[in-house]
Amino acid sequence: MKRTEQFARKWLSENMLKDNPERAATVARELCDVDRWLSHGMVIDANEASGLGIAVELVERNDPLWQEVWYLHCCYGVLFRTTNCAKVFESSTVSLEFE
């Protein structure tokens, strides 16, 4: 958990919250609160994320971006339910599956 918090703090303070490193540390700590988020797979919705200080942009379901992200989400759901794949890393050039 400590490593996860460090990772989150680093990326938040270098990007979304680069002008507020104290807030980045607070958000990272709050995201790692196992009493609040009881499971790694627990959804943090837009309202909760916004309340934590994370920049959120809502996209309508009829937006092509939303449709592409939903399609990818569904494909991952099938992948994880039908294979031994445990994690996927994506980049602009490759998808890597790990068991």
C-alpha atoms as a PDB file:
ATOM      1  CA  MET A   1       0.000   0.000   0.000  1.00  0.00           C
ATOM      2  CA  LYS A   2       2.847   2.360   0.792  1.00  0.00           C
ATOM      3  CA  ARG A   3       4.330   1.830  -2.688  1.00  0.00           C
ATOM      4  CA  THR A   4       0.944   2.437  -4.289  1.00  0.00           C
ATOM      5  CA  GLU A   5       0.543   5.658  -2.339  1.00  0.00           C
ATOM      6  CA  GLN A   6       4.039   6.803  -3.379  1.00  0.00           C
ATOM      7  CA  PHE A   7       3.247   5.993  -7.015  1.00  0.00           C
ATOM      8  CA  ALA A   8      -0.048   7.916  -6.908  1.00  0.00           C
ATOM      9  CA  ARG A   9       1.547  10.894  -5.155  1.00  0.00           C
ATOM     10  CA  LYS A  10       4.363  11.020  -7.724  1.00  0.00           C
ATOM     11  CA  TRP A  11       2.058  11.009 -10.755  1.00  0.00           C
ATOM     12  CA  LEU A  12      -0.496  13.371  -9.251  1.00  0.00           C
ATOM     13  CA  SER A  13       2.192  15.860  -8.218  1.00  0.00           C
ATOM     14  CA  GLU A  14       3.857  15.691 -11.643  1.00  0.00           C
ATOM     15  CA  ASN A  15       0.629  16.029 -13.608  1.00  0.00           C
ATOM     16  CA  MET A  16      -2.919  16.790 -12.475  1.00  0.00           C
ATOM     17  CA  LEU A  17      -1.918  18.428  -9.181  1.00  0.00           C
ATOM     18  CA  LYS A  18       1.533  19.706 -10.147  1.00  0.00           C
ATOM     19  CA  ASP A  19       0.776  23.119  -8.658  1.00  0.00           C
ATOM     20  CA  ASN A  20      -0.322  21.638  -5.344  1.00  0.00           C
ATOM     21  CA  PRO A  21       1.991  18.853  -4.082  1.00  0.00           C
ATOM     22  CA  GLU A  22       0.348  18.858  -0.635  1.00  0.00           C
ATOM     23  CA  ARG A  23      -3.044  18.123  -2.209  1.00  0.00           C
ATOM     24  CA  ALA A  24      -1.438  15.419  -4.380  1.00  0.00           C
ATOM     25  CA  ALA A  25      -0.159  13.717  -1.223  1.00  0.00           C
ATOM     26  CA  THR A  26      -3.589  13.990   0.413  1.00  0.00           C
ATOM     27  CA  VAL A  27      -5.417  12.580  -2.626  1.00  0.00           C
ATOM     28  CA  ALA A  28      -2.920   9.701  -2.879  1.00  0.00           C
ATOM     29  CA  ARG A  29      -3.412   8.909   0.815  1.00  0.00           C
ATOM     30  CA  GLU A  30      -7.210   9.052   0.477  1.00  0.00           C
ATOM     31  CA  LEU A  31      -7.155   6.743  -2.562  1.00  0.00           C
ATOM     32  CA  CYS A  32      -5.211   4.188  -0.496  1.00  0.00           C
ATOM     33  CA  ASP A  33      -7.677   4.226   2.399  1.00  0.00           C
ATOM     34  CA  VAL A  34      -8.568   0.522   2.699  1.00  0.00           C
ATOM     35  CA  ASP A  35     -11.328   1.304   5.205  1.00  0.00           C
ATOM     36  CA  ARG A  36     -13.085   3.472   2.627  1.00  0.00           C
ATOM     37  CA  TRP A  37     -12.300   1.495  -0.541  1.00  0.00           C
ATOM     38  CA  LEU A  38     -12.737  -2.083   0.587  1.00  0.00           C
ATOM     39  CA  SER A  39     -11.547  -3.649  -2.669  1.00  0.00           C
ATOM     40  CA  HIS A  40      -9.096  -2.801  -5.442  1.00  0.00           C
ATOM     41  CA  GLY A  41     -11.947  -3.409  -7.871  1.00  0.00           C
ATOM     42  CA  MET A  42     -14.331  -1.013  -6.137  1.00  0.00           C
ATOM     43  CA  VAL A  43     -15.639   1.706  -8.435  1.00  0.00           C
ATOM     44  CA  ILE A  44     -14.884   5.311  -7.566  1.00  0.00           C
ATOM     45  CA  ASP A  45     -17.523   7.267  -9.476  1.00  0.00           C
ATOM     46  CA  ALA A  46     -17.183  10.752 -10.930  1.00  0.00           C
ATOM     47  CA  ASN A  47     -18.731  12.453  -7.888  1.00  0.00           C
ATOM     48  CA  GLU A  48     -16.437  10.637  -5.448  1.00  0.00           C
ATOM     49  CA  ALA A  49     -13.364  11.300  -7.597  1.00  0.00           C
ATOM     50  CA  SER A  50     -14.270  14.968  -7.914  1.00  0.00           C
ATOM     51  CA  GLY A  51     -14.793  15.145  -4.160  1.00  0.00           C
ATOM     52  CA  LEU A  52     -11.267  13.819  -3.680  1.00  0.00           C
ATOM     53  CA  GLY A  53      -9.898  16.641  -5.831  1.00  0.00           C
ATOM     54  CA  ILE A  54      -9.381  14.627  -9.002  1.00  0.00           C
ATOM     55  CA  ALA A  55     -10.180  16.479 -12.236  1.00  0.00           C
ATOM     56  CA  VAL A  56     -13.167  14.758 -13.810  1.00  0.00           C
ATOM     57  CA  GLU A  57     -14.645  15.329 -17.243  1.00  0.00           C
ATOM     58  CA  LEU A  58     -17.990  13.635 -17.772  1.00  0.00           C
ATOM     59  CA  VAL A  59     -18.535  12.280 -21.265  1.00  0.00           C
ATOM     60  CA  GLU A  60     -22.025  11.505 -22.562  1.00  0.00           C
ATOM     61  CA  ARG A  61     -22.831   7.923 -23.567  1.00  0.00           C
ATOM     62  CA  ASN A  62     -23.458   8.925 -27.163  1.00  0.00           C
ATOM     63  CA  ASP A  63     -19.977  10.462 -27.441  1.00  0.00           C
ATOM     64  CA  PRO A  64     -17.623   8.370 -29.630  1.00  0.00           C
ATOM     65  CA  LEU A  65     -14.918   8.509 -26.920  1.00  0.00           C
ATOM     66  CA  TRP A  66     -17.295   7.059 -24.316  1.00  0.00           C
ATOM     67  CA  GLN A  67     -18.319   4.326 -26.742  1.00  0.00           C
ATOM     68  CA  GLU A  68     -14.678   3.384 -27.441  1.00  0.00           C
ATOM     69  CA  VAL A  69     -13.806   3.272 -23.730  1.00  0.00           C
ATOM     70  CA  TRP A  70     -16.935   1.209 -22.971  1.00  0.00           C
ATOM     71  CA  TYR A  71     -16.051  -1.222 -25.773  1.00  0.00           C
ATOM     72  CA  LEU A  72     -12.530  -1.624 -24.352  1.00  0.00           C
ATOM     73  CA  HIS A  73     -13.959  -2.122 -20.846  1.00  0.00           C
ATOM     74  CA  CYS A  74     -16.281  -4.862 -22.124  1.00  0.00           C
ATOM     75  CA  CYS A  75     -13.454  -6.571 -24.036  1.00  0.00           C
ATOM     76  CA  TYR A  76     -11.332  -6.605 -20.882  1.00  0.00           C
ATOM     77  CA  GLY A  77     -14.245  -8.093 -18.962  1.00  0.00           C
ATOM     78  CA  VAL A  78     -14.422 -10.985 -21.427  1.00  0.00           C
ATOM     79  CA  LEU A  79     -10.632 -11.380 -21.415  1.00  0.00           C
ATOM     80  CA  PHE A  80     -10.401 -11.616 -17.624  1.00  0.00           C
ATOM     81  CA  ARG A  81     -13.372 -13.985 -17.317  1.00  0.00           C
ATOM     82  CA  THR A  82     -12.258 -16.385 -20.047  1.00  0.00           C
ATOM     83  CA  THR A  83      -8.459 -16.556 -19.656  1.00  0.00           C
ATOM     84  CA  ASN A  84      -5.802 -16.649 -16.934  1.00  0.00           C
ATOM     85  CA  CYS A  85      -4.851 -13.059 -17.745  1.00  0.00           C
ATOM     86  CA  ALA A  86      -4.460 -11.003 -14.590  1.00  0.00           C
ATOM     87  CA  LYS A  87      -3.288  -7.629 -15.904  1.00  0.00           C
ATOM     88  CA  VAL A  88      -3.028  -5.730 -19.194  1.00  0.00           C
ATOM     89  CA  PHE A  89      -0.633  -2.905 -19.987  1.00  0.00           C
ATOM     90  CA  GLU A  90      -1.635  -0.638 -22.871  1.00  0.00           C
ATOM     91  CA  SER A  91       0.381   1.850 -24.877  1.00  0.00           C
ATOM     92  CA  SER A  92      -0.123   3.574 -28.203  1.00  0.00           C
ATOM     93  CA  THR A  93       1.699   0.728 -29.941  1.00  0.00           C
ATOM     94  CA  VAL A  94       1.065  -2.483 -27.989  1.00  0.00           C
ATOM     95  CA  SER A  95      -1.128  -4.372 -25.521  1.00  0.00           C
ATOM     96  CA  LEU A  96       0.662  -6.740 -23.150  1.00  0.00           C
ATOM     97  CA  GLU A  97      -1.214  -9.382 -21.177  1.00  0.00           C
ATOM     98  CA  PHE A  98       0.241 -10.848 -17.988  1.00  0.00           C
ATOM     99  CA  GLU A  99      -0.799 -14.006 -16.165  1.00  0.00           C
END
